[in-house]
């Protein structure tokens, strides 16, 4: 690797004050042991615990760390995007501070440097979920793999390495509904999968609620594929066709038979069926209209509420190295 290669590491924080000190200490140790130039970017997604105080205390002792605190909680994906946008490295690594192993970063970067593009970490021991959520998750991944044309793997989350070219391409995608696991796969760059084992730093690992994961899945589909809309369109056409057939049947009965009593059951069945299709169509259309509305607003993805840096930054290290090398060249 070029000795002047810069590695940026982005870690989102969400009420992680309890594990921040050991995580940042281990991360800094690994980076200093393998790289000459690097930076660590901590992005606080509006934590309500002592994350900010802990981070600012650690900045006094650990060099080349930047702390960004968003003005409020924008979500994990936006926090990662904020860190990636702020990174200046030739290679950018993202990871989950609560479970991704910092010791695997050098190997992850090596694979990315060798093959280029993007390397996605795949946990061999992913978070445990209930049987129902695991079943639904598998169905969702199979659907995405088929309809989105991407390979979503179980255990692939935030641990990844990206080349500068891939990062620049990712930064051009300014959609409001961000799901980096999908966006990084749709950029078209070469990608590899890197197996690793999670190391839980929390006594009780975090797990998103079923409602949150469902909302994320809906946002992902609405922002990346028209297939659900097409399915609803076909369902609407089928309902309209059945209604037309039923209307022809009613007219035929009226012409053939003289004494026809109004059937309450038949009428109710017909009305309930049509209202079902109408409600289904409106539900899906509302998701797409909401997505369009979010894009039309063109609001910034995030706002920085506070920023703090270590006493020694990457820029200081680079400048000192350049001066030192210049003196050595003059002396020689």
C-alpha atoms as a PDB file:
ATOM      1  CA  UNK A   1       0.000   0.000   0.000  1.00  0.00           C
ATOM      2  CA  UNK A   2       1.140   3.536  -0.776  1.00  0.00           C
ATOM      3  CA  UNK A   3       2.602   4.929   2.482  1.00  0.00           C
ATOM      4  CA  UNK A   4       0.650   8.134   1.902  1.00  0.00           C
ATOM      5  CA  UNK A   5      -2.716   6.364   1.620  1.00  0.00           C
ATOM      6  CA  UNK A   6      -5.291   7.824   3.995  1.00  0.00           C
ATOM      7  CA  UNK A   7      -7.869   5.611   5.711  1.00  0.00           C
ATOM      8  CA  UNK A   8     -11.078   7.097   7.119  1.00  0.00           C
ATOM      9  CA  UNK A   9     -13.166   5.179   9.647  1.00  0.00           C
ATOM     10  CA  UNK A  10     -16.779   6.263  10.232  1.00  0.00           C
ATOM     11  CA  UNK A  11     -18.703   5.065  13.286  1.00  0.00           C
ATOM     12  CA  UNK A  12     -22.298   6.175  14.045  1.00  0.00           C
ATOM     13  CA  UNK A  13     -23.198   6.629  17.705  1.00  0.00           C
ATOM     14  CA  UNK A  14     -26.649   6.225  19.222  1.00  0.00           C
ATOM     15  CA  UNK A  15     -26.582   6.360  23.029  1.00  0.00           C
ATOM     16  CA  UNK A  16     -23.291   4.448  23.032  1.00  0.00           C
ATOM     17  CA  UNK A  17     -21.560   6.354  25.822  1.00  0.00           C
ATOM     18  CA  UNK A  18     -21.065   3.184  27.869  1.00  0.00           C
ATOM     19  CA  UNK A  19     -18.926   1.446  25.245  1.00  0.00           C
ATOM     20  CA  UNK A  20     -17.371   4.467  23.531  1.00  0.00           C
ATOM     21  CA  UNK A  21     -14.141   4.576  25.560  1.00  0.00           C
ATOM     22  CA  UNK A  22     -13.051   0.934  25.031  1.00  0.00           C
ATOM     23  CA  UNK A  23     -14.230   0.989  21.420  1.00  0.00           C
ATOM     24  CA  UNK A  24     -12.349   4.161  20.515  1.00  0.00           C
ATOM     25  CA  UNK A  25      -9.227   3.056  22.393  1.00  0.00           C
ATOM     26  CA  UNK A  26      -9.126  -0.282  20.561  1.00  0.00           C
ATOM     27  CA  UNK A  27      -9.878   1.360  17.214  1.00  0.00           C
ATOM     28  CA  UNK A  28      -7.126   3.953  17.624  1.00  0.00           C
ATOM     29  CA  UNK A  29      -4.643   1.255  18.644  1.00  0.00           C
ATOM     30  CA  UNK A  30      -5.409  -0.851  15.563  1.00  0.00           C
ATOM     31  CA  UNK A  31      -5.233   2.123  13.203  1.00  0.00           C
ATOM     32  CA  UNK A  32      -1.940   3.417  14.626  1.00  0.00           C
ATOM     33  CA  UNK A  33      -0.462  -0.061  14.380  1.00  0.00           C
ATOM     34  CA  UNK A  34      -1.266  -0.457  10.674  1.00  0.00           C
ATOM     35  CA  UNK A  35      -1.536   2.969   9.042  1.00  0.00           C
ATOM     36  CA  UNK A  36       0.557   6.101   8.905  1.00  0.00           C
ATOM     37  CA  UNK A  37      -2.293   8.411   7.938  1.00  0.00           C
ATOM     38  CA  UNK A  38      -5.829   7.874   9.148  1.00  0.00           C
ATOM     39  CA  UNK A  39      -8.805   9.636  10.684  1.00  0.00           C
ATOM     40  CA  UNK A  40     -11.643   8.449  12.894  1.00  0.00           C
ATOM     41  CA  UNK A  41     -15.030  10.133  12.463  1.00  0.00           C
ATOM     42  CA  UNK A  42     -17.633   9.670  15.182  1.00  0.00           C
ATOM     43  CA  UNK A  43     -21.139  10.744  14.162  1.00  0.00           C
ATOM     44  CA  UNK A  44     -23.525  11.185  17.072  1.00  0.00           C
ATOM     45  CA  UNK A  45     -27.125  10.732  15.945  1.00  0.00           C
ATOM     46  CA  UNK A  46     -28.580  12.979  18.649  1.00  0.00           C
ATOM     47  CA  UNK A  47     -27.769  10.698  21.603  1.00  0.00           C
ATOM     48  CA  UNK A  48     -29.538  11.491  24.872  1.00  0.00           C
ATOM     49  CA  UNK A  49     -27.012   9.842  27.211  1.00  0.00           C
ATOM     50  CA  UNK A  50     -23.446  10.936  28.044  1.00  0.00           C
ATOM     51  CA  UNK A  51     -22.071  10.133  24.585  1.00  0.00           C
ATOM     52  CA  UNK A  52     -21.117  13.757  23.887  1.00  0.00           C
ATOM     53  CA  UNK A  53     -19.335  14.266  27.207  1.00  0.00           C
ATOM     54  CA  UNK A  54     -17.483  10.966  26.864  1.00  0.00           C
ATOM     55  CA  UNK A  55     -16.415  11.742  23.300  1.00  0.00           C
ATOM     56  CA  UNK A  56     -15.114  15.214  24.138  1.00  0.00           C
ATOM     57  CA  UNK A  57     -13.139  13.797  27.061  1.00  0.00           C
ATOM     58  CA  UNK A  58     -11.570  11.118  24.856  1.00  0.00           C
ATOM     59  CA  UNK A  59     -10.639  13.688  22.205  1.00  0.00           C
ATOM     60  CA  UNK A  60      -8.117  15.197  24.621  1.00  0.00           C
ATOM     61  CA  UNK A  61      -6.140  11.948  24.758  1.00  0.00           C
ATOM     62  CA  UNK A  62      -6.725  10.174  21.431  1.00  0.00           C
ATOM     63  CA  UNK A  63      -5.401  11.890  18.276  1.00  0.00           C
ATOM     64  CA  UNK A  64      -6.923  12.121  14.814  1.00  0.00           C
ATOM     65  CA  UNK A  65     -10.537  11.836  15.925  1.00  0.00           C
ATOM     66  CA  UNK A  66     -13.376  14.054  14.733  1.00  0.00           C
ATOM     67  CA  UNK A  67     -16.698  14.169  16.550  1.00  0.00           C
ATOM     68  CA  UNK A  68     -19.819  15.304  14.700  1.00  0.00           C
ATOM     69  CA  UNK A  69     -23.118  15.626  16.535  1.00  0.00           C
ATOM     70  CA  UNK A  70     -26.251  15.933  14.428  1.00  0.00           C
ATOM     71  CA  UNK A  71     -28.790  18.536  15.513  1.00  0.00           C
ATOM     72  CA  UNK A  72     -31.318  15.753  16.186  1.00  0.00           C
ATOM     73  CA  UNK A  73     -31.768  12.070  15.515  1.00  0.00           C
ATOM     74  CA  UNK A  74     -31.966  11.626  11.738  1.00  0.00           C
ATOM     75  CA  UNK A  75     -31.499   7.855  11.754  1.00  0.00           C
ATOM     76  CA  UNK A  76     -28.535   5.541  11.454  1.00  0.00           C
ATOM     77  CA  UNK A  77     -28.337   5.642   7.663  1.00  0.00           C
ATOM     78  CA  UNK A  78     -28.201   9.443   7.587  1.00  0.00           C
ATOM     79  CA  UNK A  79     -25.587   9.467  10.355  1.00  0.00           C
ATOM     80  CA  UNK A  80     -23.422   7.130   8.295  1.00  0.00           C
ATOM     81  CA  UNK A  81     -23.955   9.315   5.235  1.00  0.00           C
ATOM     82  CA  UNK A  82     -22.868  12.399   7.193  1.00  0.00           C
ATOM     83  CA  UNK A  83     -19.656  10.677   8.223  1.00  0.00           C
ATOM     84  CA  UNK A  84     -18.937   9.397   4.726  1.00  0.00           C
ATOM     85  CA  UNK A  85     -19.476  12.864   3.279  1.00  0.00           C
ATOM     86  CA  UNK A  86     -17.059  14.322   5.822  1.00  0.00           C
ATOM     87  CA  UNK A  87     -14.368  11.677   5.232  1.00  0.00           C
ATOM     88  CA  UNK A  88     -11.283  12.594   3.187  1.00  0.00           C
ATOM     89  CA  UNK A  89      -9.613   9.188   3.032  1.00  0.00           C
ATOM     90  CA  UNK A  90      -8.606   7.215  -0.039  1.00  0.00           C
ATOM     91  CA  UNK A  91     -10.557   4.351   1.522  1.00  0.00           C
ATOM     92  CA  UNK A  92     -13.539   4.781   3.835  1.00  0.00           C
ATOM     93  CA  UNK A  93     -14.554   2.147   6.368  1.00  0.00           C
ATOM     94  CA  UNK A  94     -17.914   2.161   8.146  1.00  0.00           C
ATOM     95  CA  UNK A  95     -18.688  -0.001  11.144  1.00  0.00           C
ATOM     96  CA  UNK A  96     -21.083  -0.528  14.024  1.00  0.00           C
ATOM     97  CA  UNK A  97     -19.321   0.359  17.297  1.00  0.00           C
ATOM     98  CA  UNK A  98     -21.504  -2.048  19.272  1.00  0.00           C
ATOM     99  CA  UNK A  99     -20.473  -5.218  17.475  1.00  0.00           C
ATOM    100  CA  UNK A 100     -18.097  -4.952  14.507  1.00  0.00           C
ATOM    101  CA  UNK A 101     -14.488  -6.034  15.213  1.00  0.00           C
ATOM    102  CA  UNK A 102     -11.911  -3.265  14.800  1.00  0.00           C
ATOM    103  CA  UNK A 103      -9.181  -5.892  14.392  1.00  0.00           C
ATOM    104  CA  UNK A 104     -10.693  -6.900  11.035  1.00  0.00           C
ATOM    105  CA  UNK A 105     -10.326  -3.415   9.509  1.00  0.00           C
ATOM    106  CA  UNK A 106      -6.804  -3.935   8.044  1.00  0.00           C
ATOM    107  CA  UNK A 107      -7.856  -7.122   6.253  1.00  0.00           C
ATOM    108  CA  UNK A 108     -11.073  -5.489   5.050  1.00  0.00           C
ATOM    109  CA  UNK A 109      -9.126  -2.541   3.614  1.00  0.00           C
ATOM    110  CA  UNK A 110      -6.608  -4.886   1.993  1.00  0.00           C
ATOM    111  CA  UNK A 111      -9.392  -6.734   0.175  1.00  0.00           C
ATOM    112  CA  UNK A 112     -10.871  -3.415  -0.947  1.00  0.00           C
ATOM    113  CA  UNK A 113      -7.497  -2.122  -2.149  1.00  0.00           C
ATOM    114  CA  UNK A 114      -6.816  -5.354  -4.054  1.00  0.00           C
ATOM    115  CA  UNK A 115     -10.201  -5.697  -5.744  1.00  0.00           C
ATOM    116  CA  UNK A 116     -11.363  -2.071  -5.760  1.00  0.00           C
ATOM    117  CA  UNK A 117     -14.936  -0.907  -5.442  1.00  0.00           C
ATOM    118  CA  UNK A 118     -16.760  -1.916  -2.273  1.00  0.00           C
ATOM    119  CA  UNK A 119     -16.270  -4.726   0.235  1.00  0.00           C
ATOM    120  CA  UNK A 120     -19.308  -5.688   2.325  1.00  0.00           C
ATOM    121  CA  UNK A 121     -18.809  -7.382   5.659  1.00  0.00           C
ATOM    122  CA  UNK A 122     -21.074 -10.374   6.295  1.00  0.00           C
ATOM    123  CA  UNK A 123     -21.380 -11.477   9.915  1.00  0.00           C
ATOM    124  CA  UNK A 124     -21.145 -15.218  10.417  1.00  0.00           C
ATOM    125  CA  UNK A 125     -22.973 -14.769  13.731  1.00  0.00           C
ATOM    126  CA  UNK A 126     -25.634 -12.118  13.019  1.00  0.00           C
ATOM    127  CA  UNK A 127     -27.971 -10.757  15.671  1.00  0.00           C
ATOM    128  CA  UNK A 128     -30.505 -13.278  16.904  1.00  0.00           C
ATOM    129  CA  UNK A 129     -34.124 -12.577  16.025  1.00  0.00           C
ATOM    130  CA  UNK A 130     -37.425 -14.228  16.757  1.00  0.00           C
ATOM    131  CA  UNK A 131     -38.619 -16.951  14.429  1.00  0.00           C
ATOM    132  CA  UNK A 132     -41.311 -14.790  12.832  1.00  0.00           C
ATOM    133  CA  UNK A 133     -38.971 -11.829  12.213  1.00  0.00           C
ATOM    134  CA  UNK A 134     -36.301 -14.152  10.842  1.00  0.00           C
ATOM    135  CA  UNK A 135     -38.810 -15.740   8.464  1.00  0.00           C
ATOM    136  CA  UNK A 136     -40.103 -12.369   7.271  1.00  0.00           C
ATOM    137  CA  UNK A 137     -36.539 -11.100   6.901  1.00  0.00           C
ATOM    138  CA  UNK A 138     -35.625 -14.033   4.677  1.00  0.00           C
ATOM    139  CA  UNK A 139     -38.702 -13.424   2.507  1.00  0.00           C
ATOM    140  CA  UNK A 140     -37.848  -9.740   2.218  1.00  0.00           C
ATOM    141  CA  UNK A 141     -34.240 -10.451   1.198  1.00  0.00           C
ATOM    142  CA  UNK A 142     -35.391 -12.960  -1.433  1.00  0.00           C
ATOM    143  CA  UNK A 143     -37.831 -10.406  -2.816  1.00  0.00           C
ATOM    144  CA  UNK A 144     -35.156  -7.691  -2.943  1.00  0.00           C
ATOM    145  CA  UNK A 145     -32.632 -10.025  -4.540  1.00  0.00           C
ATOM    146  CA  UNK A 146     -35.129 -10.822  -7.274  1.00  0.00           C
ATOM    147  CA  UNK A 147     -36.752  -7.436  -7.859  1.00  0.00           C
ATOM    148  CA  UNK A 148     -33.941  -4.995  -7.070  1.00  0.00           C
ATOM    149  CA  UNK A 149     -31.243  -7.035  -8.757  1.00  0.00           C
ATOM    150  CA  UNK A 150     -28.980  -6.866  -5.699  1.00  0.00           C
ATOM    151  CA  UNK A 151     -27.634  -9.556  -3.414  1.00  0.00           C
ATOM    152  CA  UNK A 152     -28.746  -8.777   0.123  1.00  0.00           C
ATOM    153  CA  UNK A 153     -27.106 -11.257   2.463  1.00  0.00           C
ATOM    154  CA  UNK A 154     -28.152 -12.149   5.976  1.00  0.00           C
ATOM    155  CA  UNK A 155     -25.631 -10.619   8.360  1.00  0.00           C
ATOM    156  CA  UNK A 156     -24.559  -7.825   5.988  1.00  0.00           C
ATOM    157  CA  UNK A 157     -25.037  -4.564   7.863  1.00  0.00           C
ATOM    158  CA  UNK A 158     -22.761  -1.541   8.384  1.00  0.00           C
ATOM    159  CA  UNK A 159     -19.278  -3.089   8.212  1.00  0.00           C
ATOM    160  CA  UNK A 160     -17.870  -2.189   4.781  1.00  0.00           C
ATOM    161  CA  UNK A 161     -14.923  -0.575   3.014  1.00  0.00           C
ATOM    162  CA  UNK A 162     -15.229   1.685  -0.035  1.00  0.00           C
ATOM    163  CA  UNK A 163     -12.702   3.132  -2.430  1.00  0.00           C
ATOM    164  CA  UNK A 164     -12.653   6.884  -2.989  1.00  0.00           C
ATOM    165  CA  UNK A 165     -14.183   6.398  -6.441  1.00  0.00           C
ATOM    166  CA  UNK A 166     -17.113   4.470  -4.952  1.00  0.00           C
ATOM    167  CA  UNK A 167     -17.516   7.057  -2.181  1.00  0.00           C
ATOM    168  CA  UNK A 168     -17.662   9.909  -4.689  1.00  0.00           C
ATOM    169  CA  UNK A 169     -20.338   8.043  -6.640  1.00  0.00           C
ATOM    170  CA  UNK A 170     -22.322   7.361  -3.467  1.00  0.00           C
ATOM    171  CA  UNK A 171     -22.239  11.036  -2.490  1.00  0.00           C
ATOM    172  CA  UNK A 172     -23.943  11.942  -5.760  1.00  0.00           C
ATOM    173  CA  UNK A 173     -27.009   9.926  -4.725  1.00  0.00           C
ATOM    174  CA  UNK A 174     -29.031  12.377  -2.624  1.00  0.00           C
ATOM    175  CA  UNK A 175     -32.243  10.434  -2.129  1.00  0.00           C
ATOM    176  CA  UNK A 176     -33.997  11.108   1.170  1.00  0.00           C
ATOM    177  CA  UNK A 177     -34.828   7.446   1.817  1.00  0.00           C
ATOM    178  CA  UNK A 178     -31.322   6.110   2.324  1.00  0.00           C
ATOM    179  CA  UNK A 179     -30.463   2.470   2.774  1.00  0.00           C
ATOM    180  CA  UNK A 180     -26.722   2.116   2.278  1.00  0.00           C
ATOM    181  CA  UNK A 181     -26.790  -1.664   2.084  1.00  0.00           C
ATOM    182  CA  UNK A 182     -28.809  -1.300  -1.113  1.00  0.00           C
ATOM    183  CA  UNK A 183     -27.309   1.935  -2.470  1.00  0.00           C
ATOM    184  CA  UNK A 184     -23.770   0.586  -2.337  1.00  0.00           C
ATOM    185  CA  UNK A 185     -24.875  -2.486  -4.281  1.00  0.00           C
ATOM    186  CA  UNK A 186     -26.629  -0.487  -7.000  1.00  0.00           C
ATOM    187  CA  UNK A 187     -23.704   1.824  -7.838  1.00  0.00           C
ATOM    188  CA  UNK A 188     -22.350  -0.647 -10.366  1.00  0.00           C
ATOM    189  CA  UNK A 189     -18.863  -0.920  -8.884  1.00  0.00           C
ATOM    190  CA  UNK A 190     -17.164  -4.223  -8.227  1.00  0.00           C
ATOM    191  CA  UNK A 191     -18.092  -5.583  -4.816  1.00  0.00           C
ATOM    192  CA  UNK A 192     -16.856  -8.386  -2.615  1.00  0.00           C
ATOM    193  CA  UNK A 193     -18.232 -10.035   0.515  1.00  0.00           C
ATOM    194  CA  UNK A 194     -16.004 -10.313   3.560  1.00  0.00           C
ATOM    195  CA  UNK A 195     -16.962 -12.852   6.268  1.00  0.00           C
ATOM    196  CA  UNK A 196     -16.311 -11.894   9.879  1.00  0.00           C
ATOM    197  CA  UNK A 197     -17.594 -12.568  13.382  1.00  0.00           C
ATOM    198  CA  UNK A 198     -19.372  -9.934  15.450  1.00  0.00           C
ATOM    199  CA  UNK A 199     -18.033  -9.083  18.895  1.00  0.00           C
ATOM    200  CA  UNK A 200     -20.883  -7.788  21.041  1.00  0.00           C
ATOM    201  CA  UNK A 201     -19.765  -4.915  23.269  1.00  0.00           C
ATOM    202  CA  UNK A 202     -23.157  -4.469  24.927  1.00  0.00           C
ATOM    203  CA  UNK A 203     -24.606  -6.807  27.533  1.00  0.00           C
ATOM    204  CA  UNK A 204     -27.940  -6.544  25.734  1.00  0.00           C
ATOM    205  CA  UNK A 205     -27.433  -6.077  21.976  1.00  0.00           C
ATOM    206  CA  UNK A 206     -29.590  -3.429  20.355  1.00  0.00           C
ATOM    207  CA  UNK A 207     -32.458  -4.596  18.206  1.00  0.00           C
ATOM    208  CA  UNK A 208     -34.800  -2.422  16.206  1.00  0.00           C
ATOM    209  CA  UNK A 209     -38.507  -2.768  16.826  1.00  0.00           C
ATOM    210  CA  UNK A 210     -40.682  -4.655  14.389  1.00  0.00           C
ATOM    211  CA  UNK A 211     -42.508  -1.429  13.503  1.00  0.00           C
ATOM    212  CA  UNK A 212     -39.228   0.355  12.748  1.00  0.00           C
ATOM    213  CA  UNK A 213     -37.941  -2.458  10.566  1.00  0.00           C
ATOM    214  CA  UNK A 214     -41.262  -2.640   8.727  1.00  0.00           C
ATOM    215  CA  UNK A 215     -41.185   1.109   8.045  1.00  0.00           C
ATOM    216  CA  UNK A 216     -37.597   0.815   6.793  1.00  0.00           C
ATOM    217  CA  UNK A 217     -38.548  -2.030   4.457  1.00  0.00           C
ATOM    218  CA  UNK A 218     -41.453  -0.021   3.037  1.00  0.00           C
ATOM    219  CA  UNK A 219     -39.229   3.031   2.490  1.00  0.00           C
ATOM    220  CA  UNK A 220     -36.624   0.868   0.788  1.00  0.00           C
ATOM    221  CA  UNK A 221     -39.108  -0.617  -1.657  1.00  0.00           C
ATOM    222  CA  UNK A 222     -40.842   2.684  -2.380  1.00  0.00           C
ATOM    223  CA  UNK A 223     -37.520   4.398  -3.110  1.00  0.00           C
ATOM    224  CA  UNK A 224     -35.923   1.665  -5.218  1.00  0.00           C
ATOM    225  CA  UNK A 225     -38.535  -0.254  -7.176  1.00  0.00           C
ATOM    226  CA  UNK A 226     -41.865   0.226  -8.943  1.00  0.00           C
ATOM    227  CA  UNK A 227     -42.779  -3.420  -8.591  1.00  0.00           C
ATOM    228  CA  UNK A 228     -45.286  -3.028  -5.709  1.00  0.00           C
ATOM    229  CA  UNK A 229     -46.947  -0.234  -7.653  1.00  0.00           C
ATOM    230  CA  UNK A 230     -47.131  -2.468 -10.713  1.00  0.00           C
ATOM    231  CA  UNK A 231     -48.661  -5.290  -8.659  1.00  0.00           C
ATOM    232  CA  UNK A 232     -51.321  -2.941  -7.318  1.00  0.00           C
ATOM    233  CA  UNK A 233     -51.978  -1.668 -10.838  1.00  0.00           C
ATOM    234  CA  UNK A 234     -52.601  -5.223 -12.021  1.00  0.00           C
ATOM    235  CA  UNK A 235     -54.793  -5.889  -8.983  1.00  0.00           C
ATOM    236  CA  UNK A 236     -56.799  -2.765  -9.745  1.00  0.00           C
ATOM    237  CA  UNK A 237     -57.249  -3.817 -13.361  1.00  0.00           C
ATOM    238  CA  UNK A 238     -58.289  -7.292 -12.258  1.00  0.00           C
ATOM    239  CA  UNK A 239     -60.816  -5.820  -9.842  1.00  0.00           C
ATOM    240  CA  UNK A 240     -62.178  -3.541 -12.536  1.00  0.00           C
ATOM    241  CA  UNK A 241     -62.460  -6.470 -14.937  1.00  0.00           C
ATOM    242  CA  UNK A 242     -64.305  -8.601 -12.402  1.00  0.00           C
ATOM    243  CA  UNK A 243     -66.625  -5.713 -11.684  1.00  0.00           C
ATOM    244  CA  UNK A 244     -67.351  -5.367 -15.414  1.00  0.00           C
ATOM    245  CA  UNK A 245     -68.100  -9.079 -15.687  1.00  0.00           C
ATOM    246  CA  UNK A 246     -70.380  -8.824 -12.696  1.00  0.00           C
ATOM    247  CA  UNK A 247     -72.179  -5.861 -14.281  1.00  0.00           C
ATOM    248  CA  UNK A 248     -72.717  -7.867 -17.473  1.00  0.00           C
ATOM    249  CA  UNK A 249     -74.051 -10.733 -15.364  1.00  0.00           C
ATOM    250  CA  UNK A 250     -76.535  -8.419 -13.638  1.00  0.00           C
ATOM    251  CA  UNK A 251     -77.719  -7.030 -16.986  1.00  0.00           C
ATOM    252  CA  UNK A 252     -78.096 -10.543 -18.364  1.00  0.00           C
ATOM    253  CA  UNK A 253     -80.170 -11.668 -15.391  1.00  0.00           C
ATOM    254  CA  UNK A 254     -82.323  -8.572 -15.740  1.00  0.00           C
ATOM    255  CA  UNK A 255     -82.987  -9.327 -19.425  1.00  0.00           C
ATOM    256  CA  UNK A 256     -83.631 -13.057 -18.971  1.00  0.00           C
ATOM    257  CA  UNK A 257     -85.651 -13.103 -15.762  1.00  0.00           C
ATOM    258  CA  UNK A 258     -88.620 -10.936 -14.953  1.00  0.00           C
ATOM    259  CA  UNK A 259     -88.872 -11.071 -11.163  1.00  0.00           C
ATOM    260  CA  UNK A 260     -85.424 -10.402  -9.764  1.00  0.00           C
ATOM    261  CA  UNK A 261     -85.118  -9.563  -6.089  1.00  0.00           C
ATOM    262  CA  UNK A 262     -82.303  -7.322  -5.016  1.00  0.00           C
ATOM    263  CA  UNK A 263     -79.712  -9.518  -3.333  1.00  0.00           C
ATOM    264  CA  UNK A 264     -78.277  -7.914  -0.228  1.00  0.00           C
ATOM    265  CA  UNK A 265     -75.513 -10.499   0.131  1.00  0.00           C
ATOM    266  CA  UNK A 266     -74.385 -10.180  -3.458  1.00  0.00           C
ATOM    267  CA  UNK A 267     -74.424  -6.398  -3.314  1.00  0.00           C
ATOM    268  CA  UNK A 268     -72.475  -6.339  -0.057  1.00  0.00           C
ATOM    269  CA  UNK A 269     -69.906  -8.780  -1.422  1.00  0.00           C
ATOM    270  CA  UNK A 270     -69.410  -6.691  -4.525  1.00  0.00           C
ATOM    271  CA  UNK A 271     -69.040  -3.477  -2.537  1.00  0.00           C
ATOM    272  CA  UNK A 272     -66.646  -4.971  -0.012  1.00  0.00           C
ATOM    273  CA  UNK A 273     -64.478  -6.405  -2.769  1.00  0.00           C
ATOM    274  CA  UNK A 274     -64.229  -3.114  -4.598  1.00  0.00           C
ATOM    275  CA  UNK A 275     -63.531  -1.170  -1.419  1.00  0.00           C
ATOM    276  CA  UNK A 276     -60.748  -3.651  -0.640  1.00  0.00           C
ATOM    277  CA  UNK A 277     -59.062  -2.931  -3.955  1.00  0.00           C
ATOM    278  CA  UNK A 278     -59.554   0.808  -3.537  1.00  0.00           C
ATOM    279  CA  UNK A 279     -58.014   0.820  -0.069  1.00  0.00           C
ATOM    280  CA  UNK A 280     -55.115  -1.347  -1.196  1.00  0.00           C
ATOM    281  CA  UNK A 281     -54.391   0.915  -4.137  1.00  0.00           C
ATOM    282  CA  UNK A 282     -54.572   4.063  -2.004  1.00  0.00           C
ATOM    283  CA  UNK A 283     -52.248   2.536   0.605  1.00  0.00           C
ATOM    284  CA  UNK A 284     -49.495   1.813  -1.894  1.00  0.00           C
ATOM    285  CA  UNK A 285     -50.001   5.062  -3.798  1.00  0.00           C
ATOM    286  CA  UNK A 286     -49.682   7.014  -0.554  1.00  0.00           C
ATOM    287  CA  UNK A 287     -46.231   5.496   0.037  1.00  0.00           C
ATOM    288  CA  UNK A 288     -45.038   6.524  -3.406  1.00  0.00           C
ATOM    289  CA  UNK A 289     -46.587   9.975  -3.116  1.00  0.00           C
ATOM    290  CA  UNK A 290     -44.849  10.383   0.238  1.00  0.00           C
ATOM    291  CA  UNK A 291     -41.537   9.365  -1.317  1.00  0.00           C
ATOM    292  CA  UNK A 292     -42.016  11.809  -4.189  1.00  0.00           C
ATOM    293  CA  UNK A 293     -42.910  14.562  -1.728  1.00  0.00           C
ATOM    294  CA  UNK A 294     -39.725  13.934   0.239  1.00  0.00           C
ATOM    295  CA  UNK A 295     -37.621  14.177  -2.906  1.00  0.00           C
ATOM    296  CA  UNK A 296     -39.374  17.300  -4.201  1.00  0.00           C
ATOM    297  CA  UNK A 297     -38.730  19.144  -0.948  1.00  0.00           C
ATOM    298  CA  UNK A 298     -34.973  18.739  -1.533  1.00  0.00           C
ATOM    299  CA  UNK A 299     -34.171  19.287   2.119  1.00  0.00           C
ATOM    300  CA  UNK A 300     -30.635  18.657   3.412  1.00  0.00           C
ATOM    301  CA  UNK A 301     -30.179  15.131   4.711  1.00  0.00           C
ATOM    302  CA  UNK A 302     -28.897  16.381   8.055  1.00  0.00           C
ATOM    303  CA  UNK A 303     -27.691  19.366  10.076  1.00  0.00           C
ATOM    304  CA  UNK A 304     -24.568  19.447  12.231  1.00  0.00           C
ATOM    305  CA  UNK A 305     -25.371  20.687  15.727  1.00  0.00           C
ATOM    306  CA  UNK A 306     -21.885  20.443  17.253  1.00  0.00           C
ATOM    307  CA  UNK A 307     -18.374  19.507  16.166  1.00  0.00           C
ATOM    308  CA  UNK A 308     -15.220  18.756  18.135  1.00  0.00           C
ATOM    309  CA  UNK A 309     -11.758  17.525  17.153  1.00  0.00           C
ATOM    310  CA  UNK A 310      -8.713  15.948  18.736  1.00  0.00           C
ATOM    311  CA  UNK A 311      -5.779  18.189  19.530  1.00  0.00           C
ATOM    312  CA  UNK A 312      -3.888  16.419  16.722  1.00  0.00           C
ATOM    313  CA  UNK A 313      -5.717  15.972  13.418  1.00  0.00           C
ATOM    314  CA  UNK A 314      -4.906  14.140  10.209  1.00  0.00           C
ATOM    315  CA  UNK A 315      -3.992  17.424   8.510  1.00  0.00           C
ATOM    316  CA  UNK A 316      -1.397  18.156  11.183  1.00  0.00           C
ATOM    317  CA  UNK A 317       0.104  14.696  10.767  1.00  0.00           C
ATOM    318  CA  UNK A 318       0.309  15.042   6.982  1.00  0.00           C
ATOM    319  CA  UNK A 319       1.872  18.498   7.195  1.00  0.00           C
ATOM    320  CA  UNK A 320       4.437  17.312   9.736  1.00  0.00           C
ATOM    321  CA  UNK A 321       5.293  14.325   7.544  1.00  0.00           C
ATOM    322  CA  UNK A 322       5.764  16.523   4.467  1.00  0.00           C
ATOM    323  CA  UNK A 323       8.076  18.885   6.354  1.00  0.00           C
ATOM    324  CA  UNK A 324      10.085  15.969   7.714  1.00  0.00           C
ATOM    325  CA  UNK A 325      10.473  14.343   4.285  1.00  0.00           C
ATOM    326  CA  UNK A 326      11.480  17.687   2.758  1.00  0.00           C
ATOM    327  CA  UNK A 327      14.204  18.145   5.358  1.00  0.00           C
ATOM    328  CA  UNK A 328      15.474  14.621   4.724  1.00  0.00           C
ATOM    329  CA  UNK A 329      15.638  15.276   0.969  1.00  0.00           C
ATOM    330  CA  UNK A 330      17.555  18.529   1.526  1.00  0.00           C
ATOM    331  CA  UNK A 331      19.967  16.823   3.904  1.00  0.00           C
ATOM    332  CA  UNK A 332      20.645  14.055   1.426  1.00  0.00           C
END
